[in-house]
PDB file of all heavy atoms in Angstrom:
ATOM      1  N   TYR A   1      -6.114   1.590 -15.555  1.00  0.00           N
ATOM      2  CA  TYR A   1      -7.447   1.179 -15.988  1.00  0.00           C
ATOM      3  C   TYR A   1      -8.506   2.122 -15.431  1.00  0.00           C
ATOM      4  O   TYR A   1      -8.398   2.594 -14.291  1.00  0.00           O
ATOM      5  CB  TYR A   1      -7.766  -0.236 -15.519  1.00  0.00           C
ATOM      6  CG  TYR A   1      -6.991  -1.348 -16.187  1.00  0.00           C
ATOM      7  CD1 TYR A   1      -7.065  -2.638 -15.691  1.00  0.00           C
ATOM      8  CD2 TYR A   1      -6.181  -1.136 -17.297  1.00  0.00           C
ATOM      9  CE1 TYR A   1      -6.366  -3.679 -16.277  1.00  0.00           C
ATOM     10  CE2 TYR A   1      -5.477  -2.171 -17.886  1.00  0.00           C
ATOM     11  CZ  TYR A   1      -5.581  -3.435 -17.372  1.00  0.00           C
ATOM     12  OH  TYR A   1      -4.893  -4.460 -17.955  1.00  0.00           O
ATOM     13  N   LYS A   2      -9.509   2.372 -16.224  1.00  0.00           N
ATOM     14  CA  LYS A   2     -10.626   3.207 -15.798  1.00  0.00           C
ATOM     15  C   LYS A   2     -11.359   2.529 -14.631  1.00  0.00           C
ATOM     16  O   LYS A   2     -11.515   1.307 -14.609  1.00  0.00           O
ATOM     17  CB  LYS A   2     -11.590   3.403 -16.972  1.00  0.00           C
ATOM     18  CG  LYS A   2     -12.746   4.315 -16.673  1.00  0.00           C
ATOM     19  CD  LYS A   2     -13.630   4.481 -17.890  1.00  0.00           C
ATOM     20  CE  LYS A   2     -14.800   5.367 -17.535  1.00  0.00           C
ATOM     21  NZ  LYS A   2     -15.734   5.492 -18.640  1.00  0.00           N
ATOM     22  N   ASN A   3     -11.800   3.333 -13.683  1.00  0.00           N
ATOM     23  CA  ASN A   3     -12.624   2.921 -12.541  1.00  0.00           C
ATOM     24  C   ASN A   3     -11.888   2.174 -11.441  1.00  0.00           C
ATOM     25  O   ASN A   3     -12.526   1.660 -10.521  1.00  0.00           O
ATOM     26  CB  ASN A   3     -13.859   2.121 -12.988  1.00  0.00           C
ATOM     27  CG  ASN A   3     -14.784   2.951 -13.843  1.00  0.00           C
ATOM     28  OD1 ASN A   3     -15.040   4.114 -13.545  1.00  0.00           O
ATOM     29  ND2 ASN A   3     -15.272   2.385 -14.934  1.00  0.00           N
ATOM     30  N   TYR A   4     -10.574   2.082 -11.520  1.00  0.00           N
ATOM     31  CA  TYR A   4      -9.787   1.509 -10.427  1.00  0.00           C
ATOM     32  C   TYR A   4      -9.112   2.644  -9.665  1.00  0.00           C
ATOM     33  O   TYR A   4      -8.531   3.549 -10.260  1.00  0.00           O
ATOM     34  CB  TYR A   4      -8.712   0.545 -10.940  1.00  0.00           C
ATOM     35  CG  TYR A   4      -9.229  -0.833 -11.232  1.00  0.00           C
ATOM     36  CD1 TYR A   4      -9.559  -1.209 -12.527  1.00  0.00           C
ATOM     37  CD2 TYR A   4      -9.383  -1.775 -10.219  1.00  0.00           C
ATOM     38  CE1 TYR A   4     -10.027  -2.484 -12.807  1.00  0.00           C
ATOM     39  CE2 TYR A   4      -9.854  -3.048 -10.483  1.00  0.00           C
ATOM     40  CZ  TYR A   4     -10.184  -3.392 -11.776  1.00  0.00           C
ATOM     41  OH  TYR A   4     -10.648  -4.653 -12.053  1.00  0.00           O
ATOM     42  N   TYR A   5      -9.192   2.560  -8.342  1.00  0.00           N
ATOM     43  CA  TYR A   5      -8.599   3.549  -7.446  1.00  0.00           C
ATOM     44  C   TYR A   5      -7.818   2.796  -6.374  1.00  0.00           C
ATOM     45  O   TYR A   5      -8.144   1.648  -6.060  1.00  0.00           O
ATOM     46  CB  TYR A   5      -9.681   4.412  -6.793  1.00  0.00           C
ATOM     47  CG  TYR A   5     -10.529   5.132  -7.805  1.00  0.00           C
ATOM     48  CD1 TYR A   5     -11.639   4.517  -8.375  1.00  0.00           C
ATOM     49  CD2 TYR A   5     -10.217   6.423  -8.207  1.00  0.00           C
ATOM     50  CE1 TYR A   5     -12.415   5.175  -9.312  1.00  0.00           C
ATOM     51  CE2 TYR A   5     -10.982   7.093  -9.135  1.00  0.00           C
ATOM     52  CZ  TYR A   5     -12.087   6.455  -9.695  1.00  0.00           C
ATOM     53  OH  TYR A   5     -12.846   7.109 -10.635  1.00  0.00           O
ATOM     54  N   PHE A   6      -6.828   3.449  -5.790  1.00  0.00           N
ATOM     55  CA  PHE A   6      -5.993   2.795  -4.788  1.00  0.00           C
ATOM     56  C   PHE A   6      -6.000   3.547  -3.474  1.00  0.00           C
ATOM     57  O   PHE A   6      -5.898   4.774  -3.452  1.00  0.00           O
ATOM     58  CB  PHE A   6      -4.546   2.680  -5.289  1.00  0.00           C
ATOM     59  CG  PHE A   6      -4.344   1.579  -6.291  1.00  0.00           C
ATOM     60  CD1 PHE A   6      -4.757   1.727  -7.597  1.00  0.00           C
ATOM     61  CD2 PHE A   6      -3.752   0.383  -5.908  1.00  0.00           C
ATOM     62  CE1 PHE A   6      -4.591   0.718  -8.524  1.00  0.00           C
ATOM     63  CE2 PHE A   6      -3.582  -0.635  -6.824  1.00  0.00           C
ATOM     64  CZ  PHE A   6      -3.996  -0.475  -8.129  1.00  0.00           C
ATOM     65  N   VAL A   7      -6.108   2.791  -2.384  1.00  0.00           N
ATOM     66  CA  VAL A   7      -5.835   3.329  -1.068  1.00  0.00           C
ATOM     67  C   VAL A   7      -4.318   3.588  -1.056  1.00  0.00           C
ATOM     68  O   VAL A   7      -3.552   2.739  -1.533  1.00  0.00           O
ATOM     69  CB  VAL A   7      -6.204   2.313   0.039  1.00  0.00           C
ATOM     70  CG1 VAL A   7      -5.842   2.845   1.421  1.00  0.00           C
ATOM     71  CG2 VAL A   7      -7.676   1.933  -0.041  1.00  0.00           C
ATOM     72  N   PRO A   8      -3.851   4.738  -0.579  1.00  0.00           N
ATOM     73  CA  PRO A   8      -2.405   4.970  -0.548  1.00  0.00           C
ATOM     74  C   PRO A   8      -1.662   3.797   0.115  1.00  0.00           C
ATOM     75  O   PRO A   8      -2.144   3.230   1.096  1.00  0.00           O
ATOM     76  CB  PRO A   8      -2.269   6.252   0.279  1.00  0.00           C
ATOM     77  CG  PRO A   8      -3.561   6.970   0.030  1.00  0.00           C
ATOM     78  CD  PRO A   8      -4.594   5.874  -0.033  1.00  0.00           C
ATOM     79  N   PHE A   9      -0.531   3.448  -0.459  1.00  0.00           N
ATOM     80  CA  PHE A   9       0.229   2.300   0.049  1.00  0.00           C
ATOM     81  C   PHE A   9       1.721   2.559  -0.011  1.00  0.00           C
ATOM     82  O   PHE A   9       2.173   3.457  -0.716  1.00  0.00           O
ATOM     83  CB  PHE A   9      -0.136   1.020  -0.715  1.00  0.00           C
ATOM     84  CG  PHE A   9       0.146   1.071  -2.198  1.00  0.00           C
ATOM     85  CD1 PHE A   9       1.308   0.518  -2.714  1.00  0.00           C
ATOM     86  CD2 PHE A   9      -0.767   1.635  -3.079  1.00  0.00           C
ATOM     87  CE1 PHE A   9       1.564   0.552  -4.077  1.00  0.00           C
ATOM     88  CE2 PHE A   9      -0.524   1.674  -4.443  1.00  0.00           C
ATOM     89  CZ  PHE A   9       0.644   1.133  -4.950  1.00  0.00           C
ATOM     90  N   GLY A  10       2.459   1.776   0.752  1.00  0.00           N
ATOM     91  CA  GLY A  10       3.908   1.916   0.776  1.00  0.00           C
ATOM     92  C   GLY A  10       4.559   0.682   1.371  1.00  0.00           C
ATOM     93  O   GLY A  10       3.879  -0.282   1.737  1.00  0.00           O
ATOM     94  N   MET A  11       5.865   0.731   1.486  1.00  0.00           N
ATOM     95  CA  MET A  11       6.611  -0.403   2.028  1.00  0.00           C
ATOM     96  C   MET A  11       6.293  -0.577   3.505  1.00  0.00           C
ATOM     97  O   MET A  11       6.219   0.398   4.249  1.00  0.00           O
ATOM     98  CB  MET A  11       8.109  -0.201   1.830  1.00  0.00           C
ATOM     99  CG  MET A  11       8.512  -0.188   0.366  1.00  0.00           C
ATOM    100  SD  MET A  11      10.293  -0.026   0.153  1.00  0.00           S
ATOM    101  CE  MET A  11      10.781  -1.726   0.424  1.00  0.00           C
ATOM    102  N   ASP A  12       6.102  -1.820   3.920  1.00  0.00           N
ATOM    103  CA  ASP A  12       5.762  -2.068   5.321  1.00  0.00           C
ATOM    104  C   ASP A  12       6.961  -2.514   6.152  1.00  0.00           C
ATOM    105  O   ASP A  12       6.930  -2.398   7.374  1.00  0.00           O
ATOM    106  CB  ASP A  12       4.611  -3.073   5.441  1.00  0.00           C
ATOM    107  CG  ASP A  12       4.883  -4.393   4.753  1.00  0.00           C
ATOM    108  OD1 ASP A  12       5.396  -4.392   3.627  1.00  0.00           O
ATOM    109  OD2 ASP A  12       4.562  -5.434   5.341  1.00  0.00           O
ATOM    110  N   ASP A  13       8.015  -3.000   5.523  1.00  0.00           N
ATOM    111  CA  ASP A  13       9.224  -3.405   6.247  1.00  0.00           C
ATOM    112  C   ASP A  13      10.379  -3.442   5.244  1.00  0.00           C
ATOM    113  O   ASP A  13      10.743  -4.512   4.749  1.00  0.00           O
ATOM    114  CB  ASP A  13       9.016  -4.769   6.913  1.00  0.00           C
ATOM    115  CG  ASP A  13      10.200  -5.211   7.754  1.00  0.00           C
ATOM    116  OD1 ASP A  13      11.255  -4.542   7.736  1.00  0.00           O
ATOM    117  OD2 ASP A  13      10.076  -6.244   8.441  1.00  0.00           O
ATOM    118  N   CYS A  14      10.937  -2.266   4.958  1.00  0.00           N
ATOM    119  CA  CYS A  14      11.928  -2.159   3.882  1.00  0.00           C
ATOM    120  C   CYS A  14      13.225  -2.896   4.167  1.00  0.00           C
ATOM    121  O   CYS A  14      13.965  -3.211   3.246  1.00  0.00           O
ATOM    122  CB  CYS A  14      12.200  -0.699   3.547  1.00  0.00           C
ATOM    123  SG  CYS A  14      12.843   0.261   4.921  1.00  0.00           S
ATOM    124  N   GLU A  15      13.513  -3.209   5.411  1.00  0.00           N
ATOM    125  CA  GLU A  15      14.741  -3.927   5.732  1.00  0.00           C
ATOM    126  C   GLU A  15      14.609  -5.434   5.594  1.00  0.00           C
ATOM    127  O   GLU A  15      15.530  -6.100   5.145  1.00  0.00           O
ATOM    128  CB  GLU A  15      15.203  -3.570   7.143  1.00  0.00           C
ATOM    129  CG  GLU A  15      15.702  -2.141   7.247  1.00  0.00           C
ATOM    130  CD  GLU A  15      16.277  -1.835   8.607  1.00  0.00           C
ATOM    131  OE1 GLU A  15      16.756  -2.763   9.295  1.00  0.00           O
ATOM    132  OE2 GLU A  15      16.254  -0.653   8.985  1.00  0.00           O
ATOM    133  N   HIS A  16      13.474  -5.980   5.991  1.00  0.00           N
ATOM    134  CA  HIS A  16      13.318  -7.434   6.014  1.00  0.00           C
ATOM    135  C   HIS A  16      12.449  -7.985   4.882  1.00  0.00           C
ATOM    136  O   HIS A  16      12.549  -9.160   4.548  1.00  0.00           O
ATOM    137  CB  HIS A  16      12.741  -7.879   7.362  1.00  0.00           C
ATOM    138  CG  HIS A  16      13.624  -7.512   8.506  1.00  0.00           C
ATOM    139  ND1 HIS A  16      13.364  -6.433   9.317  1.00  0.00           N
ATOM    140  CD2 HIS A  16      14.780  -8.051   8.945  1.00  0.00           C
ATOM    141  CE1 HIS A  16      14.314  -6.324  10.237  1.00  0.00           C
ATOM    142  NE2 HIS A  16      15.194  -7.289  10.026  1.00  0.00           N
ATOM    143  N   LYS A  17      11.589  -7.135   4.328  1.00  0.00           N
ATOM    144  CA  LYS A  17      10.714  -7.559   3.234  1.00  0.00           C
ATOM    145  C   LYS A  17      10.842  -6.508   2.131  1.00  0.00           C
ATOM    146  O   LYS A  17      10.002  -5.637   1.987  1.00  0.00           O
ATOM    147  CB  LYS A  17       9.267  -7.695   3.722  1.00  0.00           C
ATOM    148  CG  LYS A  17       9.114  -8.732   4.802  1.00  0.00           C
ATOM    149  CD  LYS A  17       7.690  -9.032   5.258  1.00  0.00           C
ATOM    150  CE  LYS A  17       6.693  -7.965   5.230  1.00  0.00           C
ATOM    151  NZ  LYS A  17       5.376  -8.325   5.762  1.00  0.00           N
ATOM    152  N   THR A  18      11.901  -6.631   1.362  1.00  0.00           N
ATOM    153  CA  THR A  18      12.305  -5.563   0.447  1.00  0.00           C
ATOM    154  C   THR A  18      11.381  -5.360  -0.754  1.00  0.00           C
ATOM    155  O   THR A  18      11.532  -4.373  -1.472  1.00  0.00           O
ATOM    156  CB  THR A  18      13.734  -5.811  -0.064  1.00  0.00           C
ATOM    157  OG1 THR A  18      13.784  -7.089  -0.708  1.00  0.00           O
ATOM    158  CG2 THR A  18      14.732  -5.780   1.091  1.00  0.00           C
ATOM    159  N   LYS A  19      10.439  -6.254  -0.989  1.00  0.00           N
ATOM    160  CA  LYS A  19       9.501  -6.092  -2.100  1.00  0.00           C
ATOM    161  C   LYS A  19       8.061  -5.949  -1.629  1.00  0.00           C
ATOM    162  O   LYS A  19       7.153  -5.848  -2.426  1.00  0.00           O
ATOM    163  CB  LYS A  19       9.623  -7.280  -3.061  1.00  0.00           C
ATOM    164  CG  LYS A  19      10.980  -7.342  -3.739  1.00  0.00           C
ATOM    165  CD  LYS A  19      11.068  -8.473  -4.709  1.00  0.00           C
ATOM    166  CE  LYS A  19      12.460  -8.484  -5.336  1.00  0.00           C
ATOM    167  NZ  LYS A  19      12.610  -9.535  -6.319  1.00  0.00           N
ATOM    168  N   SER A  20       7.871  -5.928  -0.319  1.00  0.00           N
ATOM    169  CA  SER A  20       6.534  -5.932   0.273  1.00  0.00           C
ATOM    170  C   SER A  20       5.950  -4.528   0.401  1.00  0.00           C
ATOM    171  O   SER A  20       6.648  -3.588   0.769  1.00  0.00           O
ATOM    172  CB  SER A  20       6.608  -6.583   1.656  1.00  0.00           C
ATOM    173  OG  SER A  20       5.326  -6.652   2.239  1.00  0.00           O
ATOM    174  N   MET A  21       4.654  -4.420   0.095  1.00  0.00           N
ATOM    175  CA  MET A  21       3.932  -3.166   0.278  1.00  0.00           C
ATOM    176  C   MET A  21       2.542  -3.465   0.810  1.00  0.00           C
ATOM    177  O   MET A  21       1.972  -4.522   0.532  1.00  0.00           O
ATOM    178  CB  MET A  21       3.834  -2.384  -1.027  1.00  0.00           C
ATOM    179  CG  MET A  21       5.195  -1.975  -1.576  1.00  0.00           C
ATOM    180  SD  MET A  21       5.066  -0.943  -3.026  1.00  0.00           S
ATOM    181  CE  MET A  21       5.265   0.634  -2.254  1.00  0.00           C
ATOM    182  N   VAL A  22       2.017  -2.506   1.556  1.00  0.00           N
ATOM    183  CA  VAL A  22       0.675  -2.653   2.119  1.00  0.00           C
ATOM    184  C   VAL A  22       0.009  -1.279   2.124  1.00  0.00           C
ATOM    185  O   VAL A  22       0.674  -0.248   2.237  1.00  0.00           O
ATOM    186  CB  VAL A  22       0.737  -3.282   3.534  1.00  0.00           C
ATOM    187  CG1 VAL A  22       1.390  -2.359   4.533  1.00  0.00           C
ATOM    188  CG2 VAL A  22      -0.626  -3.727   4.004  1.00  0.00           C
ATOM    189  N   CYS A  23      -1.315  -1.298   1.993  1.00  0.00           N
ATOM    190  CA  CYS A  23      -2.047  -0.033   2.007  1.00  0.00           C
ATOM    191  C   CYS A  23      -2.109   0.535   3.418  1.00  0.00           C
ATOM    192  O   CYS A  23      -1.904  -0.175   4.407  1.00  0.00           O
ATOM    193  CB  CYS A  23      -3.453  -0.223   1.443  1.00  0.00           C
ATOM    194  SG  CYS A  23      -4.588  -1.125   2.509  1.00  0.00           S
ATOM    195  N   ASP A  24      -2.415   1.810   3.491  1.00  0.00           N
ATOM    196  CA  ASP A  24      -2.613   2.483   4.767  1.00  0.00           C
ATOM    197  C   ASP A  24      -4.086   2.302   5.130  1.00  0.00           C
ATOM    198  O   ASP A  24      -4.953   3.039   4.647  1.00  0.00           O
ATOM    199  CB  ASP A  24      -2.240   3.959   4.644  1.00  0.00           C
ATOM    200  CG  ASP A  24      -2.411   4.725   5.931  1.00  0.00           C
ATOM    201  OD1 ASP A  24      -2.961   4.172   6.905  1.00  0.00           O
ATOM    202  OD2 ASP A  24      -1.988   5.891   5.963  1.00  0.00           O
ATOM    203  N   PHE A  25      -4.385   1.305   5.963  1.00  0.00           N
ATOM    204  CA  PHE A  25      -5.767   0.983   6.310  1.00  0.00           C
ATOM    205  C   PHE A  25      -6.490   2.167   6.948  1.00  0.00           C
ATOM    206  O   PHE A  25      -7.708   2.265   6.852  1.00  0.00           O
ATOM    207  CB  PHE A  25      -5.810  -0.241   7.224  1.00  0.00           C
ATOM    208  CG  PHE A  25      -5.462  -1.511   6.509  1.00  0.00           C
ATOM    209  CD1 PHE A  25      -4.155  -1.966   6.465  1.00  0.00           C
ATOM    210  CD2 PHE A  25      -6.434  -2.241   5.857  1.00  0.00           C
ATOM    211  CE1 PHE A  25      -3.821  -3.127   5.789  1.00  0.00           C
ATOM    212  CE2 PHE A  25      -6.116  -3.403   5.170  1.00  0.00           C
ATOM    213  CZ  PHE A  25      -4.811  -3.848   5.142  1.00  0.00           C
ATOM    214  N   GLY A  26      -5.756   3.059   7.566  1.00  0.00           N
ATOM    215  CA  GLY A  26      -6.339   4.255   8.151  1.00  0.00           C
ATOM    216  C   GLY A  26      -6.879   5.230   7.119  1.00  0.00           C
ATOM    217  O   GLY A  26      -7.593   6.175   7.472  1.00  0.00           O
ATOM    218  N   GLN A  27      -6.562   5.011   5.843  1.00  0.00           N
ATOM    219  CA  GLN A  27      -7.042   5.892   4.775  1.00  0.00           C
ATOM    220  C   GLN A  27      -8.132   5.263   3.911  1.00  0.00           C
ATOM    221  O   GLN A  27      -8.547   5.846   2.906  1.00  0.00           O
ATOM    222  CB  GLN A  27      -5.867   6.342   3.905  1.00  0.00           C
ATOM    223  CG  GLN A  27      -4.917   7.264   4.654  1.00  0.00           C
ATOM    224  CD  GLN A  27      -3.974   7.970   3.712  1.00  0.00           C
ATOM    225  OE1 GLN A  27      -4.392   8.546   2.711  1.00  0.00           O
ATOM    226  NE2 GLN A  27      -2.692   7.922   4.025  1.00  0.00           N
ATOM    227  N   VAL A  28      -8.627   4.089   4.305  1.00  0.00           N
ATOM    228  CA  VAL A  28      -9.703   3.456   3.525  1.00  0.00           C
ATOM    229  C   VAL A  28     -10.941   4.352   3.520  1.00  0.00           C
ATOM    230  O   VAL A  28     -11.521   4.626   2.464  1.00  0.00           O
ATOM    231  CB  VAL A  28     -10.027   2.046   4.055  1.00  0.00           C
ATOM    232  CG1 VAL A  28     -11.275   1.481   3.377  1.00  0.00           C
ATOM    233  CG2 VAL A  28      -8.838   1.103   3.849  1.00  0.00           C
ATOM    234  N   LEU A  29     -11.359   4.807   4.678  1.00  0.00           N
ATOM    235  CA  LEU A  29     -12.554   5.652   4.771  1.00  0.00           C
ATOM    236  C   LEU A  29     -12.397   6.929   3.950  1.00  0.00           C
ATOM    237  O   LEU A  29     -13.302   7.297   3.184  1.00  0.00           O
ATOM    238  CB  LEU A  29     -12.864   5.988   6.230  1.00  0.00           C
ATOM    239  CG  LEU A  29     -14.031   6.937   6.475  1.00  0.00           C
ATOM    240  CD1 LEU A  29     -15.341   6.385   5.919  1.00  0.00           C
ATOM    241  CD2 LEU A  29     -14.167   7.219   7.972  1.00  0.00           C
TER     242      LEU A  29
END
């Protein structure tokens, strides 16, 4: 969609939460 942007994100616990992802809060700025 136009005008939507994402903070880079990835898996936060690939062993225990196999579908979970979270953004890299350090890259918000």
